[in-house]
Amino acid sequence: MPQVLTTSAQIMCGHGGQAQLSSSSKLKVNGTPVLLQAGVGPTINGCTVQTTNSTAPDLVATVSGGLATKLASGGAPVLLSTFTGTGSGLPQPSPLTATESQTKLLAT
């Protein structure tokens, strides 16, 4: 069963950029709020791709999957370690990956 993501997770692009995470969820794991789709980005900081005429760094995060079907907070599904998403870089958006250290709360 996948881990529930919290604001202590890391969501990163393939070039080392990290999405800003936030949450107003009342559901917490070890005192850390669980992560909802609205809490990912939209900003990505630290992507190492340099801006040129044909390339651009990942600056904006978009969530495309990994939403729980059986666990919600405030009516919104929580995000799981099966998270999928993309950055906004050029020439092709970079896939985003999530890592989470908490193992107490699992969900589907």
N, C-alpha and C. Protein backbone atom coordinates (compact mmCIF):
# COMPACT_ATOMS: atom_id res chain seq x y z
N MET A 1 0.85 -1.17 0.00
CA MET A 1 0.00 0.00 0.00
C MET A 1 0.89 1.24 0.00
N PRO A 2 0.54 2.25 -0.80
CA PRO A 2 1.38 3.45 -0.89
C PRO A 2 1.35 4.31 0.37
N GLN A 3 2.43 5.03 0.57
CA GLN A 3 2.52 5.98 1.68
C GLN A 3 1.70 7.23 1.35
N VAL A 4 1.12 7.84 2.37
CA VAL A 4 0.48 9.15 2.22
C VAL A 4 1.59 10.20 2.27
N LEU A 5 1.58 11.12 1.31
CA LEU A 5 2.58 12.18 1.29
C LEU A 5 2.22 13.27 2.30
N THR A 6 3.24 13.82 2.92
CA THR A 6 3.08 14.94 3.85
C THR A 6 3.91 16.11 3.34
N THR A 7 3.83 17.22 4.03
CA THR A 7 4.62 18.39 3.63
C THR A 7 6.12 18.19 3.87
N SER A 8 6.50 17.07 4.49
CA SER A 8 7.93 16.78 4.63
C SER A 8 8.45 15.95 3.45
N ALA A 9 7.58 15.60 2.52
CA ALA A 9 7.99 14.87 1.31
C ALA A 9 8.86 15.77 0.44
N GLN A 10 9.54 15.16 -0.50
CA GLN A 10 10.28 15.91 -1.52
C GLN A 10 9.69 15.56 -2.86
N ILE A 11 9.27 16.55 -3.61
CA ILE A 11 8.80 16.37 -4.98
C ILE A 11 9.77 17.14 -5.86
N MET A 12 10.46 16.39 -6.74
CA MET A 12 11.56 16.98 -7.49
C MET A 12 11.45 16.70 -8.98
N CYS A 13 11.97 17.64 -9.78
CA CYS A 13 12.10 17.41 -11.21
C CYS A 13 13.38 16.62 -11.45
N GLY A 14 13.56 16.17 -12.66
CA GLY A 14 14.73 15.37 -13.00
C GLY A 14 16.04 16.12 -13.02
N HIS A 15 15.97 17.44 -12.82
CA HIS A 15 17.18 18.26 -12.85
C HIS A 15 17.51 18.85 -11.48
N GLY A 16 16.91 18.30 -10.42
CA GLY A 16 17.23 18.74 -9.07
C GLY A 16 16.36 19.84 -8.51
N GLY A 17 15.39 20.32 -9.27
CA GLY A 17 14.48 21.34 -8.76
C GLY A 17 13.47 20.74 -7.80
N GLN A 18 13.08 21.49 -6.81
CA GLN A 18 12.16 21.00 -5.79
C GLN A 18 10.89 21.84 -5.78
N ALA A 19 9.74 21.15 -5.85
CA ALA A 19 8.45 21.85 -5.80
C ALA A 19 8.19 22.35 -4.39
N GLN A 20 7.65 23.55 -4.29
CA GLN A 20 7.25 24.07 -2.98
C GLN A 20 6.00 23.31 -2.54
N LEU A 21 5.97 22.93 -1.27
CA LEU A 21 4.85 22.17 -0.72
C LEU A 21 4.22 22.94 0.42
N SER A 22 2.88 22.88 0.49
CA SER A 22 2.16 23.50 1.60
C SER A 22 0.87 22.72 1.82
N SER A 23 0.28 22.88 2.98
CA SER A 23 -0.97 22.20 3.27
C SER A 23 -1.69 22.90 4.41
N SER A 24 -3.00 23.00 4.26
CA SER A 24 -3.84 23.51 5.33
C SER A 24 -4.67 22.38 5.93
N SER A 25 -4.30 21.14 5.61
CA SER A 25 -5.04 19.96 6.07
C SER A 25 -4.96 19.82 7.58
N LYS A 26 -6.08 19.44 8.18
CA LYS A 26 -6.10 19.15 9.61
C LYS A 26 -5.60 17.74 9.90
N LEU A 27 -5.57 16.88 8.87
CA LEU A 27 -5.06 15.52 9.03
C LEU A 27 -3.54 15.56 9.02
N LYS A 28 -2.94 15.02 10.09
CA LYS A 28 -1.48 15.08 10.23
C LYS A 28 -0.93 13.70 10.55
N VAL A 29 0.32 13.51 10.16
CA VAL A 29 1.08 12.30 10.50
C VAL A 29 2.31 12.76 11.26
N ASN A 30 2.42 12.32 12.51
CA ASN A 30 3.53 12.78 13.36
C ASN A 30 3.62 14.29 13.41
N GLY A 31 2.47 14.97 13.41
CA GLY A 31 2.43 16.42 13.50
C GLY A 31 2.64 17.15 12.19
N THR A 32 2.82 16.43 11.10
CA THR A 32 3.06 17.04 9.79
C THR A 32 1.82 16.89 8.92
N PRO A 33 1.31 17.98 8.36
CA PRO A 33 0.09 17.90 7.55
C PRO A 33 0.26 17.02 6.31
N VAL A 34 -0.81 16.28 5.97
CA VAL A 34 -0.78 15.49 4.73
C VAL A 34 -0.86 16.45 3.55
N LEU A 35 -0.41 15.97 2.40
CA LEU A 35 -0.32 16.80 1.21
C LEU A 35 -1.53 16.56 0.31
N LEU A 36 -2.12 17.65 -0.15
CA LEU A 36 -3.23 17.61 -1.09
C LEU A 36 -2.74 18.17 -2.43
N GLN A 37 -3.49 17.90 -3.49
CA GLN A 37 -3.08 18.35 -4.82
C GLN A 37 -2.81 19.85 -4.86
N ALA A 38 -3.65 20.64 -4.21
CA ALA A 38 -3.49 22.09 -4.22
C ALA A 38 -2.21 22.55 -3.52
N GLY A 39 -1.60 21.68 -2.72
CA GLY A 39 -0.40 22.05 -1.99
C GLY A 39 0.91 21.78 -2.70
N VAL A 40 0.85 21.30 -3.94
CA VAL A 40 2.07 21.05 -4.72
C VAL A 40 2.31 22.23 -5.64
N GLY A 41 3.42 22.93 -5.38
CA GLY A 41 3.78 24.08 -6.20
C GLY A 41 2.83 25.24 -5.97
N PRO A 42 2.59 26.02 -6.96
CA PRO A 42 2.94 25.70 -8.34
C PRO A 42 4.42 25.92 -8.66
N THR A 43 5.17 26.51 -7.75
CA THR A 43 6.56 26.87 -8.04
C THR A 43 7.52 25.72 -7.82
N ILE A 44 8.47 25.58 -8.75
CA ILE A 44 9.61 24.67 -8.61
C ILE A 44 10.85 25.54 -8.50
N ASN A 45 11.66 25.31 -7.47
CA ASN A 45 12.89 26.07 -7.27
C ASN A 45 14.10 25.18 -7.47
N GLY A 46 15.14 25.72 -8.10
CA GLY A 46 16.41 25.03 -8.17
C GLY A 46 16.64 24.15 -9.38
N CYS A 47 15.75 24.15 -10.36
CA CYS A 47 15.98 23.36 -11.58
C CYS A 47 17.24 23.90 -12.25
N THR A 48 18.13 23.00 -12.63
CA THR A 48 19.45 23.41 -13.14
C THR A 48 19.49 23.64 -14.65
N VAL A 49 18.39 23.43 -15.36
CA VAL A 49 18.38 23.68 -16.81
C VAL A 49 18.51 25.18 -17.04
N GLN A 50 19.42 25.55 -17.91
CA GLN A 50 19.64 26.96 -18.22
C GLN A 50 18.68 27.42 -19.31
N THR A 51 18.22 28.65 -19.23
CA THR A 51 17.33 29.21 -20.24
C THR A 51 18.13 29.58 -21.48
N THR A 52 17.71 29.02 -22.62
CA THR A 52 18.29 29.37 -23.92
C THR A 52 17.13 29.56 -24.89
N ASN A 53 17.44 29.68 -26.18
CA ASN A 53 16.38 29.80 -27.19
C ASN A 53 15.54 28.54 -27.29
N SER A 54 16.11 27.37 -26.91
CA SER A 54 15.39 26.11 -27.07
C SER A 54 15.17 25.34 -25.76
N THR A 55 15.67 25.86 -24.65
CA THR A 55 15.49 25.17 -23.37
C THR A 55 14.99 26.15 -22.30
N ALA A 56 14.31 25.58 -21.33
CA ALA A 56 13.85 26.38 -20.18
C ALA A 56 13.75 25.46 -18.98
N PRO A 57 14.03 25.96 -17.78
CA PRO A 57 13.95 25.12 -16.58
C PRO A 57 12.50 24.81 -16.21
N ASP A 58 12.34 23.76 -15.40
CA ASP A 58 11.04 23.45 -14.83
C ASP A 58 10.76 24.47 -13.74
N LEU A 59 9.73 25.29 -13.94
CA LEU A 59 9.39 26.33 -12.97
C LEU A 59 8.03 26.13 -12.34
N VAL A 60 7.15 25.37 -13.01
CA VAL A 60 5.78 25.16 -12.53
C VAL A 60 5.49 23.67 -12.46
N ALA A 61 4.92 23.22 -11.35
CA ALA A 61 4.57 21.82 -11.14
C ALA A 61 3.10 21.58 -11.45
N THR A 62 2.82 20.46 -12.12
CA THR A 62 1.45 20.04 -12.40
C THR A 62 1.27 18.61 -11.92
N VAL A 63 0.26 18.35 -11.10
CA VAL A 63 -0.04 17.01 -10.59
C VAL A 63 -0.93 16.31 -11.60
N SER A 64 -0.57 15.04 -11.95
CA SER A 64 -1.39 14.29 -12.90
C SER A 64 -1.88 12.97 -12.35
N GLY A 65 -1.41 12.54 -11.19
CA GLY A 65 -1.86 11.27 -10.63
C GLY A 65 -1.36 11.07 -9.22
N GLY A 66 -1.79 9.95 -8.63
CA GLY A 66 -1.38 9.62 -7.27
C GLY A 66 -2.33 10.13 -6.20
N LEU A 67 -3.58 10.37 -6.58
CA LEU A 67 -4.58 10.83 -5.62
C LEU A 67 -5.25 9.62 -4.98
N ALA A 68 -5.42 9.67 -3.68
CA ALA A 68 -6.07 8.57 -2.96
C ALA A 68 -7.53 8.48 -3.36
N THR A 69 -8.05 7.26 -3.40
CA THR A 69 -9.46 7.05 -3.70
C THR A 69 -10.27 6.80 -2.43
N LYS A 70 -9.58 6.48 -1.32
CA LYS A 70 -10.29 6.12 -0.09
C LYS A 70 -9.93 6.97 1.11
N LEU A 71 -9.08 7.97 0.93
CA LEU A 71 -8.71 8.84 2.06
C LEU A 71 -8.70 10.28 1.58
N ALA A 72 -9.45 11.11 2.28
CA ALA A 72 -9.53 12.52 1.93
C ALA A 72 -9.38 13.37 3.19
N SER A 73 -9.04 14.63 2.99
CA SER A 73 -8.97 15.59 4.08
C SER A 73 -9.68 16.84 3.61
N GLY A 74 -10.69 17.25 4.36
CA GLY A 74 -11.47 18.42 3.95
C GLY A 74 -12.17 18.22 2.62
N GLY A 75 -12.48 16.98 2.27
CA GLY A 75 -13.16 16.68 1.01
C GLY A 75 -12.23 16.50 -0.17
N ALA A 76 -10.94 16.73 0.01
CA ALA A 76 -9.97 16.59 -1.09
C ALA A 76 -9.14 15.33 -0.88
N PRO A 77 -8.92 14.55 -1.94
CA PRO A 77 -8.09 13.35 -1.79
C PRO A 77 -6.65 13.71 -1.42
N VAL A 78 -6.05 12.91 -0.55
CA VAL A 78 -4.65 13.12 -0.20
C VAL A 78 -3.77 12.56 -1.32
N LEU A 79 -2.54 13.03 -1.38
CA LEU A 79 -1.58 12.52 -2.37
C LEU A 79 -0.84 11.33 -1.80
N LEU A 80 -0.54 10.38 -2.68
CA LEU A 80 0.16 9.15 -2.29
C LEU A 80 1.55 9.10 -2.92
N SER A 81 2.36 8.16 -2.43
CA SER A 81 3.71 7.98 -2.96
C SER A 81 3.69 7.49 -4.40
N THR A 82 2.53 7.15 -4.95
CA THR A 82 2.40 6.81 -6.37
C THR A 82 2.24 8.07 -7.22
N PHE A 83 2.48 9.22 -6.60
CA PHE A 83 2.37 10.53 -7.24
C PHE A 83 3.02 10.56 -8.62
N THR A 84 2.34 11.21 -9.56
CA THR A 84 2.93 11.53 -10.86
C THR A 84 2.63 12.99 -11.16
N GLY A 85 3.53 13.60 -11.87
CA GLY A 85 3.37 14.99 -12.25
C GLY A 85 4.46 15.40 -13.20
N THR A 86 4.38 16.62 -13.69
CA THR A 86 5.39 17.13 -14.62
C THR A 86 5.75 18.56 -14.26
N GLY A 87 6.95 18.93 -14.69
CA GLY A 87 7.38 20.32 -14.61
C GLY A 87 7.01 21.01 -15.91
N SER A 88 7.44 22.24 -16.04
CA SER A 88 7.06 23.05 -17.21
C SER A 88 8.22 23.30 -18.16
N GLY A 89 9.30 22.56 -18.03
CA GLY A 89 10.51 22.84 -18.80
C GLY A 89 10.39 22.58 -20.29
N LEU A 90 11.36 23.12 -21.01
CA LEU A 90 11.47 22.91 -22.46
C LEU A 90 12.83 22.31 -22.77
N PRO A 91 13.00 21.48 -23.77
CA PRO A 91 12.03 21.23 -24.83
C PRO A 91 10.93 20.24 -24.43
N GLN A 92 11.10 19.55 -23.34
CA GLN A 92 10.09 18.60 -22.88
C GLN A 92 9.96 18.71 -21.36
N PRO A 93 8.73 18.78 -20.84
CA PRO A 93 8.56 18.85 -19.39
C PRO A 93 9.17 17.62 -18.70
N SER A 94 9.78 17.84 -17.57
CA SER A 94 10.43 16.78 -16.81
C SER A 94 9.41 16.10 -15.90
N PRO A 95 9.45 14.77 -15.81
CA PRO A 95 8.59 14.10 -14.84
C PRO A 95 9.00 14.49 -13.41
N LEU A 96 8.03 14.61 -12.55
CA LEU A 96 8.29 14.88 -11.13
C LEU A 96 8.21 13.57 -10.36
N THR A 97 9.07 13.42 -9.36
CA THR A 97 9.05 12.23 -8.51
C THR A 97 8.90 12.65 -7.07
N ALA A 98 8.27 11.78 -6.29
CA ALA A 98 8.03 12.08 -4.88
C ALA A 98 8.72 11.05 -4.00
N THR A 99 9.31 11.52 -2.90
CA THR A 99 9.85 10.63 -1.87
C THR A 99 9.28 11.08 -0.53
N GLU A 100 8.95 10.12 0.28
CA GLU A 100 8.34 10.38 1.58
C GLU A 100 8.97 9.46 2.60
N SER A 101 9.31 10.00 3.78
CA SER A 101 9.97 9.19 4.80
C SER A 101 9.01 8.58 5.80
N GLN A 102 7.79 9.14 5.94
CA GLN A 102 6.87 8.60 6.94
C GLN A 102 6.31 7.26 6.46
N THR A 103 6.14 6.33 7.39
CA THR A 103 5.61 5.01 7.06
C THR A 103 4.40 4.62 7.93
N LYS A 104 3.90 5.57 8.69
CA LYS A 104 2.79 5.27 9.60
C LYS A 104 1.42 5.25 8.93
N LEU A 105 1.24 6.08 7.89
CA LEU A 105 -0.07 6.17 7.27
C LEU A 105 0.03 5.74 5.81
N LEU A 106 -0.69 4.67 5.48
CA LEU A 106 -0.75 4.14 4.12
C LEU A 106 -2.18 4.21 3.65
N ALA A 107 -2.39 4.30 2.33
CA ALA A 107 -3.75 4.41 1.82
C ALA A 107 -3.80 3.97 0.35
N THR A 108 -5.01 3.85 -0.16
CA THR A 108 -5.22 3.58 -1.58
C THR A 108 -6.14 4.62 -2.14
